[in-house]
Amino acid sequence: MLDYMIYLLTFAVGSIIGLLYSYKQHGEPFVAVTKLNIPALVISIIGWFLAFNSGNVILSAVGFFLGGFVMGERPGYGRKETAIGLIIAVATYLLNSGVM
């Protein structure tokens, strides 16, 4: 039960920090950048991979922090990067568990 609380807290902190970082990076009032953000994509892939595939409480918490960082950016930013990171992490999990 404590594991889940750690995951929720690190995800919430990551989301808040991601939102603050996103407001510093993008001052425009709406989504103006439509290209893929490579650093955010790498952070998202690493974060969601660690969250779902590490098997360790601390590494999973770091993964949820990184995933929350990208997912918590301003509305419209980080959505593609989060989706790609989640797809890769879930596919890897399914391959490792023997479902696929």
PDB file of N, CA and C in Angstrom:
ATOM      1  N   MET A   1       0.821  -1.198   0.000  1.00  0.00           N
ATOM      2  CA  MET A   1       0.000   0.000   0.000  1.00  0.00           C
ATOM      3  C   MET A   1       0.865   1.262   0.000  1.00  0.00           C
ATOM      4  N   LEU A   2       1.962   1.209   0.741  1.00  0.00           N
ATOM      5  CA  LEU A   2       2.863   2.357   0.793  1.00  0.00           C
ATOM      6  C   LEU A   2       3.525   2.601  -0.557  1.00  0.00           C
ATOM      7  N   ASP A   3       3.750   1.527  -1.316  1.00  0.00           N
ATOM      8  CA  ASP A   3       4.339   1.668  -2.646  1.00  0.00           C
ATOM      9  C   ASP A   3       3.472   2.554  -3.532  1.00  0.00           C
ATOM     10  N   TYR A   4       2.180   2.317  -3.501  1.00  0.00           N
ATOM     11  CA  TYR A   4       1.284   3.092  -4.347  1.00  0.00           C
ATOM     12  C   TYR A   4       1.253   4.560  -3.940  1.00  0.00           C
ATOM     13  N   MET A   5       1.367   4.823  -2.642  1.00  0.00           N
ATOM     14  CA  MET A   5       1.399   6.204  -2.169  1.00  0.00           C
ATOM     15  C   MET A   5       2.661   6.907  -2.678  1.00  0.00           C
ATOM     16  N   ILE A   6       3.778   6.198  -2.651  1.00  0.00           N
ATOM     17  CA  ILE A   6       5.021   6.767  -3.172  1.00  0.00           C
ATOM     18  C   ILE A   6       4.878   7.070  -4.657  1.00  0.00           C
ATOM     19  N   TYR A   7       4.267   6.143  -5.401  1.00  0.00           N
ATOM     20  CA  TYR A   7       4.079   6.348  -6.837  1.00  0.00           C
ATOM     21  C   TYR A   7       3.194   7.549  -7.109  1.00  0.00           C
ATOM     22  N   LEU A   8       2.105   7.672  -6.369  1.00  0.00           N
ATOM     23  CA  LEU A   8       1.196   8.809  -6.562  1.00  0.00           C
ATOM     24  C   LEU A   8       1.869  10.137  -6.225  1.00  0.00           C
ATOM     25  N   LEU A   9       2.614  10.159  -5.125  1.00  0.00           N
ATOM     26  CA  LEU A   9       3.291  11.395  -4.740  1.00  0.00           C
ATOM     27  C   LEU A   9       4.354  11.803  -5.755  1.00  0.00           C
ATOM     28  N   THR A  10       5.158  10.847  -6.207  1.00  0.00           N
ATOM     29  CA  THR A  10       6.190  11.209  -7.176  1.00  0.00           C
ATOM     30  C   THR A  10       5.582  11.622  -8.507  1.00  0.00           C
ATOM     31  N   PHE A  11       4.475  10.987  -8.906  1.00  0.00           N
ATOM     32  CA  PHE A  11       3.810  11.392 -10.136  1.00  0.00           C
ATOM     33  C   PHE A  11       3.258  12.808 -10.010  1.00  0.00           C
ATOM     34  N   ALA A  12       2.645  13.123  -8.860  1.00  0.00           N
ATOM     35  CA  ALA A  12       2.092  14.464  -8.648  1.00  0.00           C
ATOM     36  C   ALA A  12       3.193  15.524  -8.635  1.00  0.00           C
ATOM     37  N   VAL A  13       4.295  15.227  -7.956  1.00  0.00           N
ATOM     38  CA  VAL A  13       5.413  16.180  -7.915  1.00  0.00           C
ATOM     39  C   VAL A  13       5.993  16.365  -9.322  1.00  0.00           C
ATOM     40  N   GLY A  14       6.142  15.270 -10.058  1.00  0.00           N
ATOM     41  CA  GLY A  14       6.641  15.366 -11.432  1.00  0.00           C
ATOM     42  C   GLY A  14       5.714  16.184 -12.317  1.00  0.00           C
ATOM     43  N   SER A  15       4.414  16.020 -12.140  1.00  0.00           N
ATOM     44  CA  SER A  15       3.449  16.792 -12.931  1.00  0.00           C
ATOM     45  C   SER A  15       3.538  18.282 -12.629  1.00  0.00           C
ATOM     46  N   ILE A  16       3.677  18.614 -11.365  1.00  0.00           N
ATOM     47  CA  ILE A  16       3.780  20.025 -10.984  1.00  0.00           C
ATOM     48  C   ILE A  16       5.061  20.636 -11.540  1.00  0.00           C
ATOM     49  N   ILE A  17       6.166  19.937 -11.405  1.00  0.00           N
ATOM     50  CA  ILE A  17       7.435  20.449 -11.921  1.00  0.00           C
ATOM     51  C   ILE A  17       7.385  20.551 -13.448  1.00  0.00           C
ATOM     52  N   GLY A  18       6.762  19.572 -14.108  1.00  0.00           N
ATOM     53  CA  GLY A  18       6.609  19.632 -15.561  1.00  0.00           C
ATOM     54  C   GLY A  18       5.769  20.813 -15.998  1.00  0.00           C
ATOM     55  N   LEU A  19       4.722  21.119 -15.246  1.00  0.00           N
ATOM     56  CA  LEU A  19       3.877  22.264 -15.572  1.00  0.00           C
ATOM     57  C   LEU A  19       4.647  23.571 -15.418  1.00  0.00           C
ATOM     58  N   LEU A  20       5.393  23.688 -14.332  1.00  0.00           N
ATOM     59  CA  LEU A  20       6.191  24.898 -14.127  1.00  0.00           C
ATOM     60  C   LEU A  20       7.260  25.047 -15.204  1.00  0.00           C
ATOM     61  N   TYR A  21       7.904  23.954 -15.545  1.00  0.00           N
ATOM     62  CA  TYR A  21       8.925  23.982 -16.601  1.00  0.00           C
ATOM     63  C   TYR A  21       8.298  24.363 -17.947  1.00  0.00           C
ATOM     64  N   SER A  22       7.137  23.823 -18.243  1.00  0.00           N
ATOM     65  CA  SER A  22       6.468  24.097 -19.510  1.00  0.00           C
ATOM     66  C   SER A  22       6.058  25.565 -19.615  1.00  0.00           C
ATOM     67  N   TYR A  23       5.603  26.166 -18.526  1.00  0.00           N
ATOM     68  CA  TYR A  23       5.237  27.573 -18.562  1.00  0.00           C
ATOM     69  C   TYR A  23       6.460  28.466 -18.772  1.00  0.00           C
ATOM     70  N   LYS A  24       7.625  28.029 -18.282  1.00  0.00           N
ATOM     71  CA  LYS A  24       8.843  28.799 -18.527  1.00  0.00           C
ATOM     72  C   LYS A  24       9.281  28.679 -19.983  1.00  0.00           C
ATOM     73  N   GLN A  25       9.099  27.506 -20.575  1.00  0.00           N
ATOM     74  CA  GLN A  25       9.533  27.265 -21.948  1.00  0.00           C
ATOM     75  C   GLN A  25       8.609  27.901 -22.979  1.00  0.00           C
ATOM     76  N   HIS A  26       7.315  27.829 -22.757  1.00  0.00           N
ATOM     77  CA  HIS A  26       6.334  28.259 -23.752  1.00  0.00           C
ATOM     78  C   HIS A  26       5.482  29.384 -23.173  1.00  0.00           C
ATOM     79  N   GLY A  27       5.624  30.567 -23.741  1.00  0.00           N
ATOM     80  CA  GLY A  27       4.866  31.711 -23.268  1.00  0.00           C
ATOM     81  C   GLY A  27       3.604  31.980 -24.070  1.00  0.00           C
ATOM     82  N   GLU A  28       3.455  31.288 -25.189  1.00  0.00           N
ATOM     83  CA  GLU A  28       2.291  31.543 -26.035  1.00  0.00           C
ATOM     84  C   GLU A  28       1.017  31.008 -25.367  1.00  0.00           C
ATOM     85  N   PRO A  29      -0.141  31.634 -25.641  1.00  0.00           N
ATOM     86  CA  PRO A  29      -1.374  31.244 -24.954  1.00  0.00           C
ATOM     87  C   PRO A  29      -2.005  29.951 -25.458  1.00  0.00           C
ATOM     88  N   PHE A  30      -1.533  29.413 -26.554  1.00  0.00           N
ATOM     89  CA  PHE A  30      -2.098  28.175 -27.084  1.00  0.00           C
ATOM     90  C   PHE A  30      -0.971  27.341 -27.675  1.00  0.00           C
ATOM     91  N   VAL A  31      -1.290  26.137 -28.066  1.00  0.00           N
ATOM     92  CA  VAL A  31      -0.273  25.227 -28.598  1.00  0.00           C
ATOM     93  C   VAL A  31       0.202  25.730 -29.946  1.00  0.00           C
ATOM     94  N   ALA A  32       1.447  26.157 -29.992  1.00  0.00           N
ATOM     95  CA  ALA A  32       2.002  26.677 -31.240  1.00  0.00           C
ATOM     96  C   ALA A  32       3.059  25.739 -31.808  1.00  0.00           C
ATOM     97  N   VAL A  33       3.600  24.880 -30.965  1.00  0.00           N
ATOM     98  CA  VAL A  33       4.650  23.955 -31.392  1.00  0.00           C
ATOM     99  C   VAL A  33       3.998  22.608 -31.678  1.00  0.00           C
ATOM    100  N   THR A  34       4.080  22.167 -32.929  1.00  0.00           N
ATOM    101  CA  THR A  34       3.445  20.899 -33.286  1.00  0.00           C
ATOM    102  C   THR A  34       4.450  19.792 -33.551  1.00  0.00           C
ATOM    103  N   LYS A  35       5.731  20.120 -33.575  1.00  0.00           N
ATOM    104  CA  LYS A  35       6.725  19.083 -33.838  1.00  0.00           C
ATOM    105  C   LYS A  35       6.998  18.287 -32.560  1.00  0.00           C
ATOM    106  N   LEU A  36       7.597  17.130 -32.741  1.00  0.00           N
ATOM    107  CA  LEU A  36       7.905  16.237 -31.637  1.00  0.00           C
ATOM    108  C   LEU A  36       9.100  16.776 -30.857  1.00  0.00           C
ATOM    109  N   ASN A  37       8.959  16.853 -29.553  1.00  0.00           N
ATOM    110  CA  ASN A  37      10.023  17.329 -28.669  1.00  0.00           C
ATOM    111  C   ASN A  37      10.889  16.124 -28.281  1.00  0.00           C
ATOM    112  N   ILE A  38      12.061  16.015 -28.864  1.00  0.00           N
ATOM    113  CA  ILE A  38      12.921  14.842 -28.679  1.00  0.00           C
ATOM    114  C   ILE A  38      13.367  14.666 -27.227  1.00  0.00           C
ATOM    115  N   PRO A  39      13.835  15.710 -26.515  1.00  0.00           N
ATOM    116  CA  PRO A  39      14.208  15.490 -25.113  1.00  0.00           C
ATOM    117  C   PRO A  39      13.038  15.004 -24.251  1.00  0.00           C
ATOM    118  N   ALA A  40      11.852  15.560 -24.471  1.00  0.00           N
ATOM    119  CA  ALA A  40      10.680  15.114 -23.721  1.00  0.00           C
ATOM    120  C   ALA A  40      10.305  13.680 -24.098  1.00  0.00           C
ATOM    121  N   LEU A  41      10.504  13.316 -25.351  1.00  0.00           N
ATOM    122  CA  LEU A  41      10.229  11.945 -25.785  1.00  0.00           C
ATOM    123  C   LEU A  41      11.159  10.959 -25.092  1.00  0.00           C
ATOM    124  N   VAL A  42      12.431  11.298 -25.009  1.00  0.00           N
ATOM    125  CA  VAL A  42      13.397  10.418 -24.339  1.00  0.00           C
ATOM    126  C   VAL A  42      13.061  10.296 -22.850  1.00  0.00           C
ATOM    127  N   ILE A  43      12.724  11.409 -22.210  1.00  0.00           N
ATOM    128  CA  ILE A  43      12.345  11.383 -20.797  1.00  0.00           C
ATOM    129  C   ILE A  43      11.100  10.528 -20.598  1.00  0.00           C
ATOM    130  N   SER A  44      10.127  10.661 -21.487  1.00  0.00           N
ATOM    131  CA  SER A  44       8.898   9.901 -21.385  1.00  0.00           C
ATOM    132  C   SER A  44       9.145   8.402 -21.558  1.00  0.00           C
ATOM    133  N   ILE A  45       9.934   8.032 -22.540  1.00  0.00           N
ATOM    134  CA  ILE A  45      10.216   6.609 -22.774  1.00  0.00           C
ATOM    135  C   ILE A  45      10.954   6.014 -21.574  1.00  0.00           C
ATOM    136  N   ILE A  46      11.966   6.706 -21.087  1.00  0.00           N
ATOM    137  CA  ILE A  46      12.717   6.203 -19.930  1.00  0.00           C
ATOM    138  C   ILE A  46      11.818   6.128 -18.699  1.00  0.00           C
ATOM    139  N   GLY A  47      11.027   7.168 -18.484  1.00  0.00           N
ATOM    140  CA  GLY A  47      10.160   7.208 -17.309  1.00  0.00           C
ATOM    141  C   GLY A  47       9.120   6.110 -17.293  1.00  0.00           C
ATOM    142  N   TRP A  48       8.368   5.970 -18.366  1.00  0.00           N
ATOM    143  CA  TRP A  48       7.324   4.946 -18.391  1.00  0.00           C
ATOM    144  C   TRP A  48       7.909   3.549 -18.431  1.00  0.00           C
ATOM    145  N   PHE A  49       9.083   3.384 -19.062  1.00  0.00           N
ATOM    146  CA  PHE A  49       9.749   2.084 -19.051  1.00  0.00           C
ATOM    147  C   PHE A  49      10.126   1.702 -17.621  1.00  0.00           C
ATOM    148  N   LEU A  50      10.717   2.634 -16.884  1.00  0.00           N
ATOM    149  CA  LEU A  50      11.075   2.351 -15.497  1.00  0.00           C
ATOM    150  C   LEU A  50       9.845   2.104 -14.644  1.00  0.00           C
ATOM    151  N   ALA A  51       8.793   2.864 -14.864  1.00  0.00           N
ATOM    152  CA  ALA A  51       7.587   2.736 -14.051  1.00  0.00           C
ATOM    153  C   ALA A  51       6.951   1.357 -14.196  1.00  0.00           C
ATOM    154  N   PHE A  52       6.921   0.830 -15.401  1.00  0.00           N
ATOM    155  CA  PHE A  52       6.227  -0.436 -15.631  1.00  0.00           C
ATOM    156  C   PHE A  52       7.131  -1.659 -15.623  1.00  0.00           C
ATOM    157  N   ASN A  53       8.409  -1.506 -15.865  1.00  0.00           N
ATOM    158  CA  ASN A  53       9.262  -2.660 -16.084  1.00  0.00           C
ATOM    159  C   ASN A  53      10.404  -2.824 -15.092  1.00  0.00           C
ATOM    160  N   SER A  54      10.576  -1.935 -14.129  1.00  0.00           N
ATOM    161  CA  SER A  54      11.763  -2.018 -13.280  1.00  0.00           C
ATOM    162  C   SER A  54      11.638  -3.089 -12.201  1.00  0.00           C
ATOM    163  N   GLY A  55      10.488  -3.229 -11.571  1.00  0.00           N
ATOM    164  CA  GLY A  55      10.332  -4.191 -10.496  1.00  0.00           C
ATOM    165  C   GLY A  55      10.935  -3.729  -9.177  1.00  0.00           C
ATOM    166  N   ASN A  56      11.362  -2.500  -9.110  1.00  0.00           N
ATOM    167  CA  ASN A  56      11.983  -1.924  -7.928  1.00  0.00           C
ATOM    168  C   ASN A  56      11.176  -0.686  -7.535  1.00  0.00           C
ATOM    169  N   VAL A  57      10.918  -0.516  -6.248  1.00  0.00           N
ATOM    170  CA  VAL A  57      10.084   0.598  -5.788  1.00  0.00           C
ATOM    171  C   VAL A  57      10.723   1.938  -6.119  1.00  0.00           C
ATOM    172  N   ILE A  58      11.996   2.077  -5.881  1.00  0.00           N
ATOM    173  CA  ILE A  58      12.656   3.364  -6.099  1.00  0.00           C
ATOM    174  C   ILE A  58      12.740   3.691  -7.586  1.00  0.00           C
ATOM    175  N   LEU A  59      13.117   2.713  -8.400  1.00  0.00           N
ATOM    176  CA  LEU A  59      13.193   2.977  -9.845  1.00  0.00           C
ATOM    177  C   LEU A  59      11.806   3.222 -10.437  1.00  0.00           C
ATOM    178  N   SER A  60      10.793   2.530  -9.938  1.00  0.00           N
ATOM    179  CA  SER A  60       9.431   2.787 -10.407  1.00  0.00           C
ATOM    180  C   SER A  60       8.988   4.196 -10.024  1.00  0.00           C
ATOM    181  N   ALA A  61       9.348   4.628  -8.813  1.00  0.00           N
ATOM    182  CA  ALA A  61       8.996   5.987  -8.380  1.00  0.00           C
ATOM    183  C   ALA A  61       9.690   7.020  -9.257  1.00  0.00           C
ATOM    184  N   VAL A  62      10.953   6.784  -9.591  1.00  0.00           N
ATOM    185  CA  VAL A  62      11.661   7.690 -10.505  1.00  0.00           C
ATOM    186  C   VAL A  62      10.973   7.693 -11.862  1.00  0.00           C
ATOM    187  N   GLY A  63      10.539   6.526 -12.324  1.00  0.00           N
ATOM    188  CA  GLY A  63       9.835   6.428 -13.598  1.00  0.00           C
ATOM    189  C   GLY A  63       8.525   7.203 -13.598  1.00  0.00           C
ATOM    190  N   PHE A  64       7.751   7.084 -12.507  1.00  0.00           N
ATOM    191  CA  PHE A  64       6.503   7.845 -12.423  1.00  0.00           C
ATOM    192  C   PHE A  64       6.765   9.344 -12.333  1.00  0.00           C
ATOM    193  N   PHE A  65       7.855   9.728 -11.684  1.00  0.00           N
ATOM    194  CA  PHE A  65       8.229  11.141 -11.638  1.00  0.00           C
ATOM    195  C   PHE A  65       8.512  11.651 -13.053  1.00  0.00           C
ATOM    196  N   LEU A  66       9.334  10.910 -13.812  1.00  0.00           N
ATOM    197  CA  LEU A  66       9.683  11.338 -15.172  1.00  0.00           C
ATOM    198  C   LEU A  66       8.457  11.315 -16.095  1.00  0.00           C
ATOM    199  N   GLY A  67       7.630  10.280 -15.960  1.00  0.00           N
ATOM    200  CA  GLY A  67       6.408  10.224 -16.767  1.00  0.00           C
ATOM    201  C   GLY A  67       5.466  11.358 -16.430  1.00  0.00           C
ATOM    202  N   GLY A  68       5.339  11.669 -15.152  1.00  0.00           N
ATOM    203  CA  GLY A  68       4.502  12.788 -14.733  1.00  0.00           C
ATOM    204  C   GLY A  68       5.042  14.120 -15.194  1.00  0.00           C
ATOM    205  N   PHE A  69       6.361  14.227 -15.263  1.00  0.00           N
ATOM    206  CA  PHE A  69       6.985  15.463 -15.737  1.00  0.00           C
ATOM    207  C   PHE A  69       6.541  15.788 -17.154  1.00  0.00           C
ATOM    208  N   VAL A  70       6.576  14.798 -18.032  1.00  0.00           N
ATOM    209  CA  VAL A  70       6.187  15.040 -19.429  1.00  0.00           C
ATOM    210  C   VAL A  70       4.673  15.138 -19.553  1.00  0.00           C
ATOM    211  N   MET A  71       3.958  14.287 -18.835  1.00  0.00           N
ATOM    212  CA  MET A  71       2.495  14.289 -18.928  1.00  0.00           C
ATOM    213  C   MET A  71       1.890  15.552 -18.317  1.00  0.00           C
ATOM    214  N   GLY A  72       2.585  16.157 -17.356  1.00  0.00           N
ATOM    215  CA  GLY A  72       2.048  17.313 -16.655  1.00  0.00           C
ATOM    216  C   GLY A  72       2.330  18.646 -17.307  1.00  0.00           C
ATOM    217  N   GLU A  73       2.923  18.650 -18.491  1.00  0.00           N
ATOM    218  CA  GLU A  73       3.177  19.925 -19.151  1.00  0.00           C
ATOM    219  C   GLU A  73       1.865  20.617 -19.494  1.00  0.00           C
ATOM    220  N   ARG A  74       1.972  21.861 -19.934  1.00  0.00           N
ATOM    221  CA  ARG A  74       0.783  22.631 -20.295  1.00  0.00           C
ATOM    222  C   ARG A  74      -0.112  21.832 -21.233  1.00  0.00           C
ATOM    223  N   PRO A  75      -1.418  22.111 -21.209  1.00  0.00           N
ATOM    224  CA  PRO A  75      -2.324  21.385 -22.102  1.00  0.00           C
ATOM    225  C   PRO A  75      -1.908  21.530 -23.561  1.00  0.00           C
ATOM    226  N   GLY A  76      -1.781  20.406 -24.215  1.00  0.00           N
ATOM    227  CA  GLY A  76      -1.382  20.377 -25.614  1.00  0.00           C
ATOM    228  C   GLY A  76       0.069  20.033 -25.818  1.00  0.00           C
ATOM    229  N   TYR A  77       0.898  20.239 -24.807  1.00  0.00           N
ATOM    230  CA  TYR A  77       2.322  19.916 -24.905  1.00  0.00           C
ATOM    231  C   TYR A  77       2.582  18.578 -24.229  1.00  0.00           C
ATOM    232  N   GLY A  78       3.420  17.774 -24.821  1.00  0.00           N
ATOM    233  CA  GLY A  78       3.797  16.501 -24.232  1.00  0.00           C
ATOM    234  C   GLY A  78       2.829  15.360 -24.486  1.00  0.00           C
ATOM    235  N   ARG A  79       1.747  15.610 -25.220  1.00  0.00           N
ATOM    236  CA  ARG A  79       0.759  14.548 -25.426  1.00  0.00           C
ATOM    237  C   ARG A  79       1.276  13.460 -26.349  1.00  0.00           C
ATOM    238  N   LYS A  80       1.965  13.836 -27.413  1.00  0.00           N
ATOM    239  CA  LYS A  80       2.518  12.845 -28.341  1.00  0.00           C
ATOM    240  C   LYS A  80       3.648  12.069 -27.681  1.00  0.00           C
ATOM    241  N   GLU A  81       4.479  12.776 -26.954  1.00  0.00           N
ATOM    242  CA  GLU A  81       5.613  12.140 -26.292  1.00  0.00           C
ATOM    243  C   GLU A  81       5.137  11.150 -25.230  1.00  0.00           C
ATOM    244  N   THR A  82       4.087  11.534 -24.485  1.00  0.00           N
ATOM    245  CA  THR A  82       3.533  10.636 -23.471  1.00  0.00           C
ATOM    246  C   THR A  82       2.928   9.403 -24.112  1.00  0.00           C
ATOM    247  N   ALA A  83       2.194   9.578 -25.191  1.00  0.00           N
ATOM    248  CA  ALA A  83       1.569   8.439 -25.861  1.00  0.00           C
ATOM    249  C   ALA A  83       2.621   7.465 -26.396  1.00  0.00           C
ATOM    250  N   ILE A  84       3.656   7.981 -27.015  1.00  0.00           N
ATOM    251  CA  ILE A  84       4.708   7.115 -27.549  1.00  0.00           C
ATOM    252  C   ILE A  84       5.432   6.394 -26.416  1.00  0.00           C
ATOM    253  N   GLY A  85       5.740   7.105 -25.343  1.00  0.00           N
ATOM    254  CA  GLY A  85       6.407   6.492 -24.199  1.00  0.00           C
ATOM    255  C   GLY A  85       5.569   5.404 -23.559  1.00  0.00           C
ATOM    256  N   LEU A  86       4.264   5.644 -23.402  1.00  0.00           N
ATOM    257  CA  LEU A  86       3.373   4.631 -22.835  1.00  0.00           C
ATOM    258  C   LEU A  86       3.252   3.407 -23.738  1.00  0.00           C
ATOM    259  N   ILE A  87       3.144   3.621 -25.030  1.00  0.00           N
ATOM    260  CA  ILE A  87       3.034   2.499 -25.965  1.00  0.00           C
ATOM    261  C   ILE A  87       4.278   1.622 -25.906  1.00  0.00           C
ATOM    262  N   ILE A  88       5.451   2.241 -25.901  1.00  0.00           N
ATOM    263  CA  ILE A  88       6.691   1.469 -25.843  1.00  0.00           C
ATOM    264  C   ILE A  88       6.803   0.720 -24.522  1.00  0.00           C
ATOM    265  N   ALA A  89       6.466   1.378 -23.405  1.00  0.00           N
ATOM    266  CA  ALA A  89       6.571   0.735 -22.092  1.00  0.00           C
ATOM    267  C   ALA A  89       5.592  -0.419 -21.943  1.00  0.00           C
ATOM    268  N   VAL A  90       4.359  -0.244 -22.388  1.00  0.00           N
ATOM    269  CA  VAL A  90       3.361  -1.318 -22.277  1.00  0.00           C
ATOM    270  C   VAL A  90       3.712  -2.478 -23.204  1.00  0.00           C
ATOM    271  N   ALA A  91       4.180  -2.187 -24.404  1.00  0.00           N
ATOM    272  CA  ALA A  91       4.583  -3.258 -25.320  1.00  0.00           C
ATOM    273  C   ALA A  91       5.750  -4.056 -24.739  1.00  0.00           C
ATOM    274  N   THR A  92       6.707  -3.365 -24.142  1.00  0.00           N
ATOM    275  CA  THR A  92       7.837  -4.050 -23.513  1.00  0.00           C
ATOM    276  C   THR A  92       7.370  -4.900 -22.339  1.00  0.00           C
ATOM    277  N   TYR A  93       6.452  -4.370 -21.545  1.00  0.00           N
ATOM    278  CA  TYR A  93       5.914  -5.133 -20.419  1.00  0.00           C
ATOM    279  C   TYR A  93       5.204  -6.392 -20.897  1.00  0.00           C
ATOM    280  N   LEU A  94       4.391  -6.237 -21.943  1.00  0.00           N
ATOM    281  CA  LEU A  94       3.664  -7.405 -22.466  1.00  0.00           C
ATOM    282  C   LEU A  94       4.620  -8.444 -23.064  1.00  0.00           C
ATOM    283  N   LEU A  95       5.667  -7.999 -23.714  1.00  0.00           N
ATOM    284  CA  LEU A  95       6.648  -8.929 -24.248  1.00  0.00           C
ATOM    285  C   LEU A  95       7.399  -9.669 -23.146  1.00  0.00           C
ATOM    286  N   ASN A  96       7.752  -8.953 -22.074  1.00  0.00           N
ATOM    287  CA  ASN A  96       8.462  -9.571 -20.960  1.00  0.00           C
ATOM    288  C   ASN A  96       7.585 -10.510 -20.134  1.00  0.00           C
ATOM    289  N   SER A  97       6.289 -10.220 -20.055  1.00  0.00           N
ATOM    290  CA  SER A  97       5.407 -11.073 -19.256  1.00  0.00           C
ATOM    291  C   SER A  97       4.947 -12.301 -20.014  1.00  0.00           C
ATOM    292  N   GLY A  98       5.213 -12.365 -21.303  1.00  0.00           N
ATOM    293  CA  GLY A  98       4.845 -13.536 -22.077  1.00  0.00           C
ATOM    294  C   GLY A  98       3.452 -13.517 -22.666  1.00  0.00           C
ATOM    295  N   VAL A  99       2.775 -12.401 -22.588  1.00  0.00           N
ATOM    296  CA  VAL A  99       1.411 -12.294 -23.134  1.00  0.00           C
ATOM    297  C   VAL A  99       1.458 -12.280 -24.660  1.00  0.00           C
ATOM    298  N   MET A 100       2.447 -11.605 -25.221  1.00  0.00           N
ATOM    299  CA  MET A 100       2.542 -11.515 -26.679  1.00  0.00           C
ATOM    300  C   MET A 100       3.547 -12.500 -27.205  1.00  0.00           C
TER     301      MET A 100
END
